Amino acid sequence: FISVIAELEAACGVTFELEELNISAWETVGDL
């Protein structure tokens, strides 16, 4: 999941907050 977040940050030019790095912070793919 961390690799997903890292790839999203690189591909989309965004930054996720520390509390967003845990998979349990998200319910669905749509939320992400």
Full PDB file with SEQRES, HELIX, SHEET, SSBOND, CRYST1, ORIGX, SCALE, CONECT and MASTER records, all heavy atoms in Angstrom:
SEQRES   1 A   32  PHE ILE SER VAL ILE ALA GLU LEU GLU ALA ALA CYS GLY          
SEQRES   2 A   32  VAL THR PHE GLU LEU GLU GLU LEU ASN ILE SER ALA TRP          
SEQRES   3 A   32  GLU THR VAL GLY ASP LEU                                      
HELIX    1 AA1 ILE A    2  CYS A   12  1                                  11    
HELIX    2 AA2 LEU A   18  LEU A   21  5                                   4    
HELIX    3 AA3 ILE A   23  ALA A   25  5                                   3    
CRYST1    1.000    1.000    1.000  90.00  90.00  90.00 P 1           1          
ORIGX1      1.000000  0.000000  0.000000        0.00000                         
ORIGX2      0.000000  1.000000  0.000000        0.00000                         
ORIGX3      0.000000  0.000000  1.000000        0.00000                         
SCALE1      1.000000  0.000000  0.000000        0.00000                         
SCALE2      0.000000  1.000000  0.000000        0.00000                         
SCALE3      0.000000  0.000000  1.000000        0.00000                         
ATOM      1  N   PHE A   1       0.825  -1.198   0.000  1.00  0.00           N  
ATOM      2  CA  PHE A   1       0.000   0.000   0.000  1.00  0.00           C  
ATOM      3  C   PHE A   1       0.865   1.256   0.000  1.00  0.00           C  
ATOM      4  O   PHE A   1       0.569   2.227  -0.696  1.00  0.00           O  
ATOM      5  CB  PHE A   1      -0.976   0.014   1.184  1.00  0.00           C  
ATOM      6  CG  PHE A   1      -1.896   1.204   1.155  1.00  0.00           C  
ATOM      7  CD1 PHE A   1      -2.913   1.270   0.212  1.00  0.00           C  
ATOM      8  CD2 PHE A   1      -1.737   2.248   2.034  1.00  0.00           C  
ATOM      9  CE1 PHE A   1      -3.761   2.373   0.154  1.00  0.00           C  
ATOM     10  CE2 PHE A   1      -2.574   3.349   1.988  1.00  0.00           C  
ATOM     11  CZ  PHE A   1      -3.586   3.411   1.048  1.00  0.00           C  
ATOM     12  N   ILE A   2       1.954   1.230   0.759  1.00  0.00           N  
ATOM     13  CA  ILE A   2       2.882   2.369   0.758  1.00  0.00           C  
ATOM     14  C   ILE A   2       3.471   2.563  -0.639  1.00  0.00           C  
ATOM     15  O   ILE A   2       3.638   3.700  -1.094  1.00  0.00           O  
ATOM     16  CB  ILE A   2       4.008   2.175   1.807  1.00  0.00           C  
ATOM     17  CG1 ILE A   2       3.434   2.247   3.216  1.00  0.00           C  
ATOM     18  CG2 ILE A   2       5.126   3.194   1.618  1.00  0.00           C  
ATOM     19  CD1 ILE A   2       2.864   3.598   3.598  1.00  0.00           C  
ATOM     20  N   SER A   3       3.745   1.468  -1.342  1.00  0.00           N  
ATOM     21  CA  SER A   3       4.266   1.607  -2.705  1.00  0.00           C  
ATOM     22  C   SER A   3       3.214   2.208  -3.629  1.00  0.00           C  
ATOM     23  O   SER A   3       3.551   2.980  -4.533  1.00  0.00           O  
ATOM     24  CB  SER A   3       4.787   0.274  -3.247  1.00  0.00           C  
ATOM     25  OG  SER A   3       3.738  -0.604  -3.558  1.00  0.00           O  
ATOM     26  N   VAL A   4       1.928   1.901  -3.401  1.00  0.00           N  
ATOM     27  CA  VAL A   4       0.838   2.529  -4.162  1.00  0.00           C  
ATOM     28  C   VAL A   4       0.851   4.035  -3.916  1.00  0.00           C  
ATOM     29  O   VAL A   4       0.801   4.831  -4.857  1.00  0.00           O  
ATOM     30  CB  VAL A   4      -0.537   1.929  -3.772  1.00  0.00           C  
ATOM     31  CG1 VAL A   4      -1.681   2.793  -4.278  1.00  0.00           C  
ATOM     32  CG2 VAL A   4      -0.677   0.508  -4.280  1.00  0.00           C  
ATOM     33  N   ILE A   5       0.919   4.426  -2.654  1.00  0.00           N  
ATOM     34  CA  ILE A   5       0.921   5.845  -2.305  1.00  0.00           C  
ATOM     35  C   ILE A   5       2.128   6.556  -2.936  1.00  0.00           C  
ATOM     36  O   ILE A   5       1.988   7.637  -3.517  1.00  0.00           O  
ATOM     37  CB  ILE A   5       0.919   6.037  -0.769  1.00  0.00           C  
ATOM     38  CG1 ILE A   5      -0.382   5.508  -0.155  1.00  0.00           C  
ATOM     39  CG2 ILE A   5       1.144   7.497  -0.401  1.00  0.00           C  
ATOM     40  CD1 ILE A   5      -1.637   6.248  -0.575  1.00  0.00           C  
ATOM     41  N   ALA A   6       3.293   5.942  -2.845  1.00  0.00           N  
ATOM     42  CA  ALA A   6       4.503   6.548  -3.419  1.00  0.00           C  
ATOM     43  C   ALA A   6       4.364   6.714  -4.928  1.00  0.00           C  
ATOM     44  O   ALA A   6       4.751   7.750  -5.493  1.00  0.00           O  
ATOM     45  CB  ALA A   6       5.726   5.708  -3.080  1.00  0.00           C  
ATOM     46  N   GLU A   7       3.800   5.714  -5.588  1.00  0.00           N  
ATOM     47  CA  GLU A   7       3.622   5.804  -7.035  1.00  0.00           C  
ATOM     48  C   GLU A   7       2.579   6.861  -7.403  1.00  0.00           C  
ATOM     49  O   GLU A   7       2.744   7.591  -8.378  1.00  0.00           O  
ATOM     50  CB  GLU A   7       3.242   4.449  -7.623  1.00  0.00           C  
ATOM     51  CG  GLU A   7       3.339   4.445  -9.123  1.00  0.00           C  
ATOM     52  CD  GLU A   7       3.318   3.063  -9.749  1.00  0.00           C  
ATOM     53  OE1 GLU A   7       3.527   2.068  -9.036  1.00  0.00           O  
ATOM     54  OE2 GLU A   7       3.081   3.000 -10.968  1.00  0.00           O  
ATOM     55  N   LEU A   8       1.509   6.953  -6.601  1.00  0.00           N  
ATOM     56  CA  LEU A   8       0.508   7.997  -6.840  1.00  0.00           C  
ATOM     57  C   LEU A   8       1.119   9.384  -6.675  1.00  0.00           C  
ATOM     58  O   LEU A   8       0.843  10.285  -7.471  1.00  0.00           O  
ATOM     59  CB  LEU A   8      -0.676   7.842  -5.890  1.00  0.00           C  
ATOM     60  CG  LEU A   8      -1.606   6.659  -6.136  1.00  0.00           C  
ATOM     61  CD1 LEU A   8      -2.676   6.597  -5.059  1.00  0.00           C  
ATOM     62  CD2 LEU A   8      -2.233   6.747  -7.518  1.00  0.00           C  
ATOM     63  N   GLU A   9       1.951   9.544  -5.654  1.00  0.00           N  
ATOM     64  CA  GLU A   9       2.599  10.838  -5.432  1.00  0.00           C  
ATOM     65  C   GLU A   9       3.479  11.210  -6.627  1.00  0.00           C  
ATOM     66  O   GLU A   9       3.450  12.347  -7.100  1.00  0.00           O  
ATOM     67  CB  GLU A   9       3.415  10.813  -4.142  1.00  0.00           C  
ATOM     68  CG  GLU A   9       2.562  10.818  -2.889  1.00  0.00           C  
ATOM     69  CD  GLU A   9       3.368  10.837  -1.609  1.00  0.00           C  
ATOM     70  OE1 GLU A   9       4.515  10.322  -1.586  1.00  0.00           O  
ATOM     71  OE2 GLU A   9       2.841  11.370  -0.620  1.00  0.00           O  
ATOM     72  N   ALA A  10       4.243  10.247  -7.115  1.00  0.00           N  
ATOM     73  CA  ALA A  10       5.144  10.508  -8.237  1.00  0.00           C  
ATOM     74  C   ALA A  10       4.372  10.736  -9.538  1.00  0.00           C  
ATOM     75  O   ALA A  10       4.681  11.659 -10.295  1.00  0.00           O  
ATOM     76  CB  ALA A  10       6.125   9.347  -8.406  1.00  0.00           C  
ATOM     77  N   ALA A  11       3.362   9.919  -9.797  1.00  0.00           N  
ATOM     78  CA  ALA A  11       2.629   9.998 -11.060  1.00  0.00           C  
ATOM     79  C   ALA A  11       1.709  11.210 -11.140  1.00  0.00           C  
ATOM     80  O   ALA A  11       1.510  11.769 -12.222  1.00  0.00           O  
ATOM     81  CB  ALA A  11       1.813   8.718 -11.258  1.00  0.00           C  
ATOM     82  N   CYS A  12       1.168  11.612  -9.993  1.00  0.00           N  
ATOM     83  CA  CYS A  12       0.162  12.683  -9.992  1.00  0.00           C  
ATOM     84  C   CYS A  12       0.669  13.990  -9.409  1.00  0.00           C  
ATOM     85  O   CYS A  12      -0.062  14.988  -9.402  1.00  0.00           O  
ATOM     86  CB  CYS A  12      -1.073  12.219  -9.226  1.00  0.00           C  
ATOM     87  SG  CYS A  12      -1.799  10.715  -9.892  1.00  0.00           S  
ATOM     88  N   GLY A  13       1.886  14.006  -8.890  1.00  0.00           N  
ATOM     89  CA  GLY A  13       2.444  15.226  -8.325  1.00  0.00           C  
ATOM     90  C   GLY A  13       1.723  15.699  -7.076  1.00  0.00           C  
ATOM     91  O   GLY A  13       1.519  16.891  -6.884  1.00  0.00           O  
ATOM     92  N   VAL A  14       1.318  14.741  -6.235  1.00  0.00           N  
ATOM     93  CA  VAL A  14       0.602  15.067  -4.997  1.00  0.00           C  
ATOM     94  C   VAL A  14       1.404  14.579  -3.798  1.00  0.00           C  
ATOM     95  O   VAL A  14       2.365  13.824  -3.956  1.00  0.00           O  
ATOM     96  CB  VAL A  14      -0.816  14.438  -4.977  1.00  0.00           C  
ATOM     97  CG1 VAL A  14      -1.670  14.987  -6.108  1.00  0.00           C  
ATOM     98  CG2 VAL A  14      -0.752  12.916  -5.043  1.00  0.00           C  
ATOM     99  N   THR A  15       0.981  14.994  -2.610  1.00  0.00           N  
ATOM    100  CA  THR A  15       1.610  14.546  -1.378  1.00  0.00           C  
ATOM    101  C   THR A  15       0.522  14.098  -0.414  1.00  0.00           C  
ATOM    102  O   THR A  15      -0.457  14.815  -0.206  1.00  0.00           O  
ATOM    103  CB  THR A  15       2.423  15.680  -0.733  1.00  0.00           C  
ATOM    104  OG1 THR A  15       3.402  16.129  -1.673  1.00  0.00           O  
ATOM    105  CG2 THR A  15       3.109  15.213   0.538  1.00  0.00           C  
ATOM    106  N   PHE A  16       0.691  12.921   0.147  1.00  0.00           N  
ATOM    107  CA  PHE A  16      -0.235  12.404   1.143  1.00  0.00           C  
ATOM    108  C   PHE A  16       0.308  12.695   2.535  1.00  0.00           C  
ATOM    109  O   PHE A  16       1.512  12.669   2.755  1.00  0.00           O  
ATOM    110  CB  PHE A  16      -0.442  10.895   0.957  1.00  0.00           C  
ATOM    111  CG  PHE A  16      -1.304  10.564  -0.224  1.00  0.00           C  
ATOM    112  CD1 PHE A  16      -0.757  10.415  -1.484  1.00  0.00           C  
ATOM    113  CD2 PHE A  16      -2.672  10.417  -0.079  1.00  0.00           C  
ATOM    114  CE1 PHE A  16      -1.543  10.128  -2.580  1.00  0.00           C  
ATOM    115  CE2 PHE A  16      -3.471  10.124  -1.166  1.00  0.00           C  
ATOM    116  CZ  PHE A  16      -2.907   9.978  -2.422  1.00  0.00           C  
ATOM    117  N   GLU A  17      -0.588  12.982   3.449  1.00  0.00           N  
ATOM    118  CA  GLU A  17      -0.225  13.247   4.839  1.00  0.00           C  
ATOM    119  C   GLU A  17       0.106  11.929   5.534  1.00  0.00           C  
ATOM    120  O   GLU A  17      -0.313  10.854   5.098  1.00  0.00           O  
ATOM    121  CB  GLU A  17      -1.377  13.942   5.563  1.00  0.00           C  
ATOM    122  CG  GLU A  17      -1.787  15.263   4.950  1.00  0.00           C  
ATOM    123  CD  GLU A  17      -0.674  16.291   4.923  1.00  0.00           C  
ATOM    124  OE1 GLU A  17       0.121  16.349   5.892  1.00  0.00           O  
ATOM    125  OE2 GLU A  17      -0.580  17.028   3.932  1.00  0.00           O  
ATOM    126  N   LEU A  18       0.822  12.006   6.642  1.00  0.00           N  
ATOM    127  CA  LEU A  18       1.253  10.827   7.386  1.00  0.00           C  
ATOM    128  C   LEU A  18       0.076   9.923   7.753  1.00  0.00           C  
ATOM    129  O   LEU A  18       0.150   8.705   7.605  1.00  0.00           O  
ATOM    130  CB  LEU A  18       2.017  11.254   8.639  1.00  0.00           C  
ATOM    131  CG  LEU A  18       2.695  10.164   9.433  1.00  0.00           C  
ATOM    132  CD1 LEU A  18       3.696   9.394   8.572  1.00  0.00           C  
ATOM    133  CD2 LEU A  18       3.397  10.733  10.647  1.00  0.00           C  
ATOM    134  N   GLU A  19      -1.023  10.512   8.208  1.00  0.00           N  
ATOM    135  CA  GLU A  19      -2.182   9.698   8.614  1.00  0.00           C  
ATOM    136  C   GLU A  19      -2.873   9.021   7.427  1.00  0.00           C  
ATOM    137  O   GLU A  19      -3.644   8.090   7.614  1.00  0.00           O  
ATOM    138  CB  GLU A  19      -3.187  10.526   9.419  1.00  0.00           C  
ATOM    139  CG  GLU A  19      -3.785  11.698   8.689  1.00  0.00           C  
ATOM    140  CD  GLU A  19      -2.982  12.987   8.821  1.00  0.00           C  
ATOM    141  OE1 GLU A  19      -1.878  12.989   9.415  1.00  0.00           O  
ATOM    142  OE2 GLU A  19      -3.457  14.005   8.311  1.00  0.00           O  
ATOM    143  N   GLU A  20      -2.567   9.450   6.208  1.00  0.00           N  
ATOM    144  CA  GLU A  20      -3.153   8.842   5.011  1.00  0.00           C  
ATOM    145  C   GLU A  20      -2.331   7.665   4.493  1.00  0.00           C  
ATOM    146  O   GLU A  20      -2.730   7.010   3.533  1.00  0.00           O  
ATOM    147  CB  GLU A  20      -3.283   9.883   3.901  1.00  0.00           C  
ATOM    148  CG  GLU A  20      -4.230  11.016   4.229  1.00  0.00           C  
ATOM    149  CD  GLU A  20      -4.247  12.092   3.173  1.00  0.00           C  
ATOM    150  OE1 GLU A  20      -3.163  12.622   2.815  1.00  0.00           O  
ATOM    151  OE2 GLU A  20      -5.354  12.414   2.712  1.00  0.00           O  
ATOM    152  N   LEU A  21      -1.209   7.378   5.122  1.00  0.00           N  
ATOM    153  CA  LEU A  21      -0.331   6.312   4.653  1.00  0.00           C  
ATOM    154  C   LEU A  21      -0.739   4.934   5.145  1.00  0.00           C  
ATOM    155  O   LEU A  21      -0.153   3.935   4.745  1.00  0.00           O  
ATOM    156  CB  LEU A  21       1.112   6.596   5.067  1.00  0.00           C  
ATOM    157  CG  LEU A  21       1.702   7.913   4.575  1.00  0.00           C  
ATOM    158  CD1 LEU A  21       3.138   8.043   5.025  1.00  0.00           C  
ATOM    159  CD2 LEU A  21       1.570   8.056   3.070  1.00  0.00           C  
ATOM    160  N   ASN A  22      -1.737   4.861   5.989  1.00  0.00           N  
ATOM    161  CA  ASN A  22      -2.218   3.592   6.516  1.00  0.00           C  
ATOM    162  C   ASN A  22      -3.425   3.146   5.709  1.00  0.00           C  
ATOM    163  O   ASN A  22      -4.374   3.903   5.528  1.00  0.00           O  
ATOM    164  CB  ASN A  22      -2.593   3.761   7.997  1.00  0.00           C  
ATOM    165  CG  ASN A  22      -2.866   2.447   8.674  1.00  0.00           C  
ATOM    166  OD1 ASN A  22      -3.307   1.490   8.050  1.00  0.00           O  
ATOM    167  ND2 ASN A  22      -2.607   2.403   9.962  1.00  0.00           N  
ATOM    168  N   ILE A  23      -3.417   1.909   5.259  1.00  0.00           N  
ATOM    169  CA  ILE A  23      -4.514   1.402   4.434  1.00  0.00           C  
ATOM    170  C   ILE A  23      -5.860   1.480   5.153  1.00  0.00           C  
ATOM    171  O   ILE A  23      -6.896   1.664   4.530  1.00  0.00           O  
ATOM    172  CB  ILE A  23      -4.216  -0.041   3.940  1.00  0.00           C  
ATOM    173  CG1 ILE A  23      -5.177  -0.427   2.802  1.00  0.00           C  
ATOM    174  CG2 ILE A  23      -4.252  -1.023   5.093  1.00  0.00           C  
ATOM    175  CD1 ILE A  23      -4.785  -1.691   2.082  1.00  0.00           C  
ATOM    176  N   SER A  24      -5.848   1.407   6.468  1.00  0.00           N  
ATOM    177  CA  SER A  24      -7.108   1.463   7.225  1.00  0.00           C  
ATOM    178  C   SER A  24      -7.720   2.867   7.226  1.00  0.00           C  
ATOM    179  O   SER A  24      -8.864   3.040   7.635  1.00  0.00           O  
ATOM    180  CB  SER A  24      -6.903   0.967   8.655  1.00  0.00           C  
ATOM    181  OG  SER A  24      -6.019   1.811   9.346  1.00  0.00           O  
ATOM    182  N   ALA A  25      -6.990   3.863   6.736  1.00  0.00           N  
ATOM    183  CA  ALA A  25      -7.528   5.223   6.629  1.00  0.00           C  
ATOM    184  C   ALA A  25      -8.481   5.343   5.435  1.00  0.00           C  
ATOM    185  O   ALA A  25      -9.173   6.335   5.298  1.00  0.00           O  
ATOM    186  CB  ALA A  25      -6.388   6.227   6.497  1.00  0.00           C  
ATOM    187  N   TRP A  26      -8.516   4.327   4.601  1.00  0.00           N  
ATOM    188  CA  TRP A  26      -9.307   4.343   3.373  1.00  0.00           C  
ATOM    189  C   TRP A  26     -10.271   3.181   3.347  1.00  0.00           C  
ATOM    190  O   TRP A  26      -9.933   2.076   3.782  1.00  0.00           O  
ATOM    191  CB  TRP A  26      -8.386   4.251   2.164  1.00  0.00           C  
ATOM    192  CG  TRP A  26      -7.308   5.269   2.183  1.00  0.00           C  
ATOM    193  CD1 TRP A  26      -6.032   5.105   2.652  1.00  0.00           C  
ATOM    194  CD2 TRP A  26      -7.403   6.619   1.760  1.00  0.00           C  
ATOM    195  NE1 TRP A  26      -5.330   6.275   2.530  1.00  0.00           N  
ATOM    196  CE2 TRP A  26      -6.159   7.224   1.984  1.00  0.00           C  
ATOM    197  CE3 TRP A  26      -8.426   7.380   1.205  1.00  0.00           C  
ATOM    198  CZ2 TRP A  26      -5.900   8.551   1.662  1.00  0.00           C  
ATOM    199  CZ3 TRP A  26      -8.164   8.699   0.883  1.00  0.00           C  
ATOM    200  CH2 TRP A  26      -6.918   9.261   1.114  1.00  0.00           C  
ATOM    201  N   GLU A  27     -11.464   3.381   2.773  1.00  0.00           N  
ATOM    202  CA  GLU A  27     -12.416   2.282   2.650  1.00  0.00           C  
ATOM    203  C   GLU A  27     -12.361   1.654   1.259  1.00  0.00           C  
ATOM    204  O   GLU A  27     -12.165   0.452   1.134  1.00  0.00           O  
ATOM    205  CB  GLU A  27     -13.833   2.755   2.955  1.00  0.00           C  
ATOM    206  CG  GLU A  27     -14.816   1.600   2.970  1.00  0.00           C  
ATOM    207  CD  GLU A  27     -16.196   2.002   3.421  1.00  0.00           C  
ATOM    208  OE1 GLU A  27     -16.357   3.073   4.006  1.00  0.00           O  
ATOM    209  OE2 GLU A  27     -17.112   1.219   3.183  1.00  0.00           O  
ATOM    210  N   THR A  28     -12.517   2.481   0.226  1.00  0.00           N  
ATOM    211  CA  THR A  28     -12.590   1.933  -1.129  1.00  0.00           C  
ATOM    212  C   THR A  28     -11.538   2.555  -2.043  1.00  0.00           C  
ATOM    213  O   THR A  28     -10.955   3.590  -1.733  1.00  0.00           O  
ATOM    214  CB  THR A  28     -13.974   2.189  -1.758  1.00  0.00           C  
ATOM    215  OG1 THR A  28     -14.143   3.599  -1.952  1.00  0.00           O  
ATOM    216  CG2 THR A  28     -15.101   1.628  -0.906  1.00  0.00           C  
ATOM    217  N   VAL A  29     -11.375   1.920  -3.179  1.00  0.00           N  
ATOM    218  CA  VAL A  29     -10.501   2.453  -4.220  1.00  0.00           C  
ATOM    219  C   VAL A  29     -11.024   3.826  -4.649  1.00  0.00           C  
ATOM    220  O   VAL A  29     -10.249   4.759  -4.867  1.00  0.00           O  
ATOM    221  CB  VAL A  29     -10.427   1.474  -5.419  1.00  0.00           C  
ATOM    222  CG1 VAL A  29      -9.738   2.111  -6.605  1.00  0.00           C  
ATOM    223  CG2 VAL A  29      -9.738   0.179  -5.004  1.00  0.00           C  
ATOM    224  N   GLY A  30     -12.341   3.968  -4.725  1.00  0.00           N  
ATOM    225  CA  GLY A  30     -12.944   5.241  -5.103  1.00  0.00           C  
ATOM    226  C   GLY A  30     -12.577   6.366  -4.155  1.00  0.00           C  
ATOM    227  O   GLY A  30     -12.365   7.509  -4.588  1.00  0.00           O  
ATOM    228  N   ASP A  31     -12.489   6.066  -2.860  1.00  0.00           N  
ATOM    229  CA  ASP A  31     -12.081   7.077  -1.876  1.00  0.00           C  
ATOM    230  C   ASP A  31     -10.667   7.579  -2.168  1.00  0.00           C  
ATOM    231  O   ASP A  31     -10.389   8.774  -2.093  1.00  0.00           O  
ATOM    232  CB  ASP A  31     -12.131   6.520  -0.453  1.00  0.00           C  
ATOM    233  CG  ASP A  31     -13.524   6.159   0.002  1.00  0.00           C  
ATOM    234  OD1 ASP A  31     -14.507   6.729  -0.528  1.00  0.00           O  
ATOM    235  OD2 ASP A  31     -13.637   5.301   0.899  1.00  0.00           O  
ATOM    236  N   LEU A  32      -9.795   6.655  -2.501  1.00  0.00           N  
ATOM    237  CA  LEU A  32      -8.407   7.010  -2.813  1.00  0.00           C  
ATOM    238  C   LEU A  32      -8.335   7.818  -4.113  1.00  0.00           C  
ATOM    239  O   LEU A  32      -7.576   8.781  -4.218  1.00  0.00           O  
ATOM    240  CB  LEU A  32      -7.554   5.743  -2.903  1.00  0.00           C  
ATOM    241  CG  LEU A  32      -6.049   5.904  -2.936  1.00  0.00           C  
ATOM    242  CD1 LEU A  32      -5.534   6.726  -1.771  1.00  0.00           C  
ATOM    243  CD2 LEU A  32      -5.371   4.543  -2.951  1.00  0.00           C  
TER     244      LEU A  32                                                      
MASTER        0    0    0    3    0    0    0    6  243    1    0    3          
END                                                                             
